[in-house]
Protein backbone atom coordinates (compact mmCIF):
# COMPACT_ATOMS: atom_id res chain seq x y z
CA MET A 1 109.56 107.55 90.80
CA ASP A 2 110.37 110.63 92.60
CA PRO A 3 107.21 111.54 94.43
CA THR A 4 108.53 115.08 94.99
CA ASN A 5 107.69 115.64 91.47
CA LEU A 6 104.17 114.41 91.54
CA LYS A 7 100.93 116.33 92.77
CA ALA A 8 99.33 113.12 93.76
CA ILE A 9 99.37 109.38 93.50
CA ASP A 10 96.39 107.35 92.08
CA VAL A 11 96.55 103.98 93.68
CA HIS A 12 93.78 102.39 91.59
CA VAL A 13 94.29 102.44 87.83
CA HIS A 14 93.15 99.51 85.57
CA VAL A 15 94.94 98.06 82.54
CA GLU A 16 92.07 96.78 80.29
CA VAL A 17 93.74 95.97 77.05
CA ASP A 18 97.08 94.42 76.23
CA CYS A 19 99.41 95.20 73.21
CA ASN A 20 97.45 92.65 71.08
CA GLY A 21 94.14 94.21 71.81
CA HIS A 22 93.19 91.34 74.26
CA MET A 23 90.80 92.53 76.90
CA SER A 24 91.00 91.92 80.57
CA LEU A 25 87.54 90.87 80.87
CA PRO A 26 84.93 88.74 78.59
CA ASP A 27 83.15 90.95 76.15
CA GLU A 28 79.88 90.72 77.80
CA PHE A 29 81.30 91.96 81.12
CA VAL A 30 83.15 94.65 79.42
CA ALA A 31 80.14 95.75 77.81
CA ALA A 32 78.03 95.69 81.13
CA SER A 33 80.70 97.62 83.08
CA THR A 34 81.26 100.24 80.50
CA GLN A 35 77.43 100.93 80.44
CA TYR A 36 77.22 100.87 84.34
CA PHE A 37 80.02 103.51 84.57
CA GLY A 38 79.16 105.47 81.55
CA ALA A 39 82.94 105.00 80.54
CA GLU A 40 84.67 105.24 77.05
CA THR A 41 84.44 102.30 75.00
CA VAL A 42 88.14 102.62 73.76
CA LYS A 43 90.35 101.44 76.56
CA PRO A 44 93.66 103.07 76.80
CA ASN A 45 97.04 101.17 76.57
CA ILE A 46 99.81 101.36 79.01
CA ASP A 47 101.77 104.01 77.00
CA ALA A 48 98.51 106.30 76.66
CA ILE A 49 97.91 105.80 80.48
CA ALA A 50 101.31 106.79 81.11
CA ALA A 51 101.02 109.93 78.93
CA TYR A 52 97.72 110.86 80.36
CA TYR A 53 99.07 110.67 84.20
CA ARG A 54 102.44 112.38 83.31
CA GLU A 55 100.60 115.45 81.63
CA ARG A 56 98.90 115.91 85.08
CA GLN A 57 101.88 115.10 87.30
CA ILE A 58 100.09 112.22 88.91
CA GLY A 59 101.63 108.81 89.79
CA ALA A 60 99.55 105.67 89.01
CA VAL A 61 99.45 102.09 90.43
CA LEU A 62 98.70 99.90 87.56
CA PHE A 63 97.07 96.43 87.42
CA SER A 64 94.74 94.11 85.78
CA VAL A 65 92.55 91.36 87.27
CA ASP A 66 93.28 87.70 86.74
CA ILE A 67 89.73 85.99 86.58
CA GLU A 68 90.97 83.02 84.36
CA ALA A 69 89.45 80.05 86.81
CA PHE A 70 86.10 81.72 87.38
CA THR A 71 85.45 82.78 83.55
CA GLY A 72 87.98 80.74 81.45
CA HIS A 73 88.98 84.12 80.03
CA PRO A 74 92.82 84.39 79.67
CA ALA A 75 94.39 87.02 81.87
CA LEU A 76 96.56 89.84 80.88
CA SER A 77 100.22 89.42 81.22
CA ASN A 78 101.65 90.48 84.53
CA GLU A 79 105.06 90.68 82.79
CA GLU A 80 103.77 92.92 80.03
CA ILE A 81 102.21 95.34 82.74
CA ALA A 82 105.40 95.31 84.60
CA ALA A 83 107.54 96.08 81.54
CA GLY A 84 105.21 98.77 80.52
CA ALA A 85 105.55 100.34 83.88
CA ALA A 86 109.29 100.14 83.72
CA ALA A 87 109.20 102.02 80.49
CA HIS A 88 107.51 104.85 82.31
CA PRO A 89 108.98 104.62 85.92
CA ASP A 90 108.47 108.43 86.66
CA VAL A 91 104.62 107.76 86.64
CA LEU A 92 103.87 104.19 86.80
CA ILE A 93 103.98 101.45 89.59
CA PRO A 94 103.03 97.89 88.56
CA PHE A 95 101.01 95.52 90.81
CA ALA A 96 100.32 91.99 89.85
CA SER A 97 97.10 90.15 89.82
CA ILE A 98 97.23 86.32 90.04
CA ASP A 99 93.93 84.30 90.51
CA PRO A 100 94.08 82.69 93.96
CA ALA A 101 92.74 79.50 92.26
CA LYS A 102 96.35 78.96 91.09
CA GLY A 103 97.50 77.99 94.56
CA ARG A 104 100.96 77.53 95.36
CA ALA A 105 101.97 77.89 91.66
CA GLY A 106 100.43 81.24 91.76
CA ALA A 107 102.53 82.23 94.81
CA ARG A 108 105.87 81.09 93.17
CA ARG A 109 104.91 83.13 90.00
CA LEU A 110 104.23 86.37 92.51
CA ARG A 111 107.73 85.64 94.02
CA VAL A 112 109.20 86.01 90.54
CA LEU A 113 107.22 88.94 89.50
CA ILE A 114 108.52 90.62 92.69
CA GLU A 115 111.80 89.60 92.43
CA GLU A 116 112.70 89.56 88.55
CA HIS A 117 110.01 92.13 87.12
CA GLY A 118 109.69 94.95 89.74
CA VAL A 119 106.19 94.19 90.71
CA ARG A 120 105.16 96.48 93.94
CA GLY A 121 102.02 94.91 95.09
CA LEU A 122 99.09 92.41 94.28
CA LYS A 123 95.65 93.31 93.27
CA LEU A 124 92.79 90.79 94.29
CA HIS A 125 88.96 90.93 93.53
CA PRO A 126 87.08 88.35 95.64
CA SER A 127 83.70 88.69 93.83
CA ILE A 128 85.07 88.15 90.30
CA GLN A 129 87.82 85.59 91.23
CA ASN A 130 85.16 83.70 93.18
CA PHE A 131 86.78 83.35 96.67
CA ALA A 132 86.35 84.47 100.20
CA PRO A 133 89.22 86.54 101.52
CA ASP A 134 89.05 84.55 104.64
CA ASP A 135 88.67 81.03 103.36
CA GLY A 136 92.46 80.42 102.88
CA THR A 137 92.29 80.28 99.07
CA ALA A 138 94.37 83.55 98.79
CA TYR A 139 96.87 82.65 101.79
CA PRO A 140 99.75 81.49 99.60
CA LEU A 141 99.72 84.62 97.87
CA LEU A 142 99.31 86.69 100.91
CA GLU A 143 102.28 84.82 102.61
CA VAL A 144 104.70 85.94 99.79
CA ALA A 145 103.28 89.47 99.77
CA GLN A 146 103.82 89.79 103.63
CA GLU A 147 107.30 88.26 103.21
CA TYR A 148 108.30 91.02 100.65
CA GLY A 149 106.58 93.75 102.44
CA VAL A 150 104.36 94.50 99.28
CA PRO A 151 100.79 95.67 99.92
CA VAL A 152 97.66 93.88 98.60
CA LEU A 153 94.73 95.58 97.43
CA PHE A 154 91.36 94.02 97.77
CA HIS A 155 88.25 94.93 96.05
CA THR A 156 85.41 95.65 98.58
CA GLY A 157 81.71 96.50 98.23
CA GLN A 158 79.41 96.26 95.25
CA THR A 159 80.96 95.91 91.76
CA GLY A 160 79.77 97.25 88.37
CA ILE A 161 81.31 94.14 86.63
CA GLY A 162 78.38 91.88 85.83
CA ALA A 163 75.69 94.67 86.77
CA ASN A 164 72.46 94.07 84.93
CA MET A 165 73.53 90.90 83.51
CA ARG A 166 71.51 87.76 83.97
CA GLY A 167 72.22 86.52 87.47
CA GLY A 168 74.82 89.37 87.72
CA GLY A 169 77.30 87.27 85.62
CA GLY A 170 77.36 84.79 88.40
CA ILE A 171 79.25 87.31 90.59
CA ARG A 172 78.57 87.14 94.29
CA LEU A 173 78.67 90.53 95.97
CA GLY A 174 79.01 89.03 99.41
CA LEU A 175 82.50 87.90 98.88
CA SER A 176 83.64 91.33 98.79
CA ASN A 177 82.19 92.31 102.22
CA PRO A 178 85.21 94.20 103.91
CA ILE A 179 84.52 92.54 107.39
CA LEU A 180 85.95 89.27 105.66
CA LEU A 181 89.52 91.09 105.90
CA ASP A 182 89.36 91.37 109.58
CA GLU A 183 90.38 87.76 109.79
CA VAL A 184 93.13 88.40 107.02
CA ALA A 185 94.52 91.18 109.09
CA VAL A 186 94.77 88.97 112.15
CA ARG A 187 96.43 86.07 110.25
CA PHE A 188 98.86 88.39 108.44
CA PRO A 189 99.54 91.12 110.92
CA ASP A 190 102.35 92.58 109.00
CA LEU A 191 100.73 92.53 105.51
CA ARG A 192 99.45 96.06 104.34
CA ILE A 193 95.98 95.50 103.09
CA ILE A 194 94.22 98.11 101.18
CA MET A 195 90.34 98.07 100.95
CA ALA A 196 89.43 99.44 97.62
CA HIS A 197 86.55 101.75 97.16
CA PRO A 198 83.85 103.31 99.37
CA SER A 199 82.52 99.73 100.54
CA PHE A 200 78.73 100.01 99.71
CA PRO A 201 76.58 98.76 101.31
CA TRP A 202 79.18 97.87 104.15
CA GLN A 203 80.94 101.13 104.71
CA ASP A 204 80.74 100.92 108.50
CA GLU A 205 82.26 97.44 108.37
CA ALA A 206 85.31 98.87 106.47
CA LEU A 207 85.72 101.77 108.75
CA ALA A 208 85.54 99.21 111.74
CA VAL A 209 88.35 97.14 110.46
CA ALA A 210 90.44 100.19 109.19
CA THR A 211 90.16 101.64 112.56
CA HIS A 212 90.92 98.43 114.63
CA LYS A 213 93.58 96.88 112.62
CA PRO A 214 96.87 99.03 112.10
CA ASN A 215 97.65 97.12 108.75
CA VAL A 216 94.53 98.07 106.89
CA TYR A 217 93.87 101.03 104.67
CA ILE A 218 91.03 102.22 102.46
CA ASP A 219 91.31 103.69 98.80
CA LEU A 220 88.70 106.12 97.56
CA SER A 221 88.33 104.69 94.07
CA GLY A 222 85.34 103.88 92.13
CA TRP A 223 83.04 106.65 93.38
CA SER A 224 82.88 110.47 92.74
CA PRO A 225 83.65 111.90 96.11
CA LYS A 226 80.27 113.87 95.99
CA TYR A 227 78.68 110.55 96.61
CA PHE A 228 80.71 109.35 99.63
CA PRO A 229 79.01 108.41 102.66
CA PRO A 230 79.03 111.05 105.36
CA GLN A 231 80.60 108.75 107.87
CA LEU A 232 83.48 107.89 105.48
CA VAL A 233 84.44 111.68 104.90
CA ARG A 234 84.22 112.23 108.86
CA TYR A 235 86.63 109.36 109.50
CA ALA A 236 88.85 110.63 106.74
CA ASN A 237 89.07 113.76 108.25
CA THR A 238 89.80 112.41 111.70
CA LEU A 239 90.62 108.85 112.80
CA LEU A 240 91.64 107.62 109.38
CA ALA A 241 93.42 110.72 108.15
CA ASP A 242 96.58 108.71 107.75
CA LYS A 243 95.03 105.56 106.41
CA VAL A 244 93.21 106.74 103.40
CA LEU A 245 94.33 106.82 99.92
CA PHE A 246 93.31 108.54 96.59
CA GLY A 247 92.19 106.29 93.90
CA SER A 248 90.08 106.97 90.81
CA ASP A 249 89.33 103.60 89.16
CA TYR A 250 90.53 104.90 85.68
CA PRO A 251 89.61 104.50 83.04
CA MET A 252 85.89 104.02 84.54
CA ILE A 253 86.47 107.27 86.62
CA THR A 254 89.10 109.74 85.52
CA PRO A 255 91.22 111.45 88.03
CA ASP A 256 90.08 114.88 86.74
CA ARG A 257 86.62 114.02 87.76
CA TRP A 258 87.54 112.59 90.95
CA LEU A 259 89.74 115.47 91.99
CA ALA A 260 87.36 118.01 90.97
CA ASP A 261 84.48 116.43 93.10
CA PHE A 262 86.96 115.92 96.03
CA ALA A 263 87.87 119.63 96.06
CA THR A 264 84.12 120.45 96.93
CA LEU A 265 84.16 118.24 100.14
CA GLU A 266 84.92 119.88 103.52
CA MET A 267 88.11 118.37 104.01
CA LYS A 268 90.61 119.63 106.60
CA SER A 269 93.57 121.45 105.01
CA HIS A 270 96.14 119.29 106.79
CA VAL A 271 94.40 115.96 105.53
CA ILE A 272 94.10 116.62 102.00
CA PRO A 273 97.93 116.14 101.15
CA LYS A 274 97.88 113.06 103.13
CA ILE A 275 95.10 111.48 101.05
CA LEU A 276 96.34 112.71 97.74
CA LYS A 277 100.01 111.74 98.07
CA ASP A 278 101.56 111.30 101.39
CA ASN A 279 99.72 108.11 102.73
CA ALA A 280 100.49 106.34 99.39
CA ILE A 281 104.05 107.09 99.52
CA ARG A 282 104.25 105.37 102.96
CA VAL A 283 102.17 102.47 102.07
CA LEU A 284 104.04 101.79 98.64
CA ASN A 285 107.46 102.00 100.57
CA LEU A 286 108.37 105.09 98.44
CA ASP A 287 109.58 107.01 101.41
CA THR A 288 112.15 104.28 102.37
CA GLU A 289 113.75 103.81 98.90
CA GLY A 290 114.45 107.48 97.89
CA LYS A 291 114.40 107.98 94.19
CA GLU A 292 113.99 104.79 92.18
CA SER A 293 115.57 103.64 89.12
């Protein structure tokens, strides 16, 4: 990937279906989240995602979410996602997702995915993987990520997955309170941590952690910018201008809609390119490797 050829880098793009039509979530969760977001029922495959982002000259960080231990639903293949990204290296960057419940075996697998499959980061979702970021469950994975210098993207805040299902599908929102990542940032001071989403209803906690811990960043995915809390916009324009990243949550929210709504915010002119691309280049190590093969 050559970032100079891109207008932006979207750090939050979901792969929701594999080459055999297997979905990343159980059917009832897919139906609930699709209704919650008002998203399309047909989910794009990796080739379609690449074509969509290439047409817009936007790079995309690509991942699924492994929730096998909590739901019994088989995860999508990290290897398939990595191979799909490798087929479109001009626009796609692969992240792995490994259920923390897989322990040391999962950590060994992450090492292989980084070394042999070109995976560039890790995606975790505490609420739907049913762990607290600071309870130690994910620490074996985080040790590997810190060793290799790859970022870890944690879901934070409310989730549309399980919304309006009986008992919320058993999903505990409190596991995604961003204050739980403060302990993680202390224990892993060299690990780049990205807190995904405006962290409703804990936005102030997210801002506190990001301003206090130099290794913690925020992506802006999952919400239309016109609904961003005012304090998030204020911090993005000032104290966190170098630590906020563009993310859409595609296909639930398209980058077209996100960017159109972002353009209506009163953002400082020198901050906009940082959020849309420059900060991601640094966090993803694209600035230290030059053009990638």
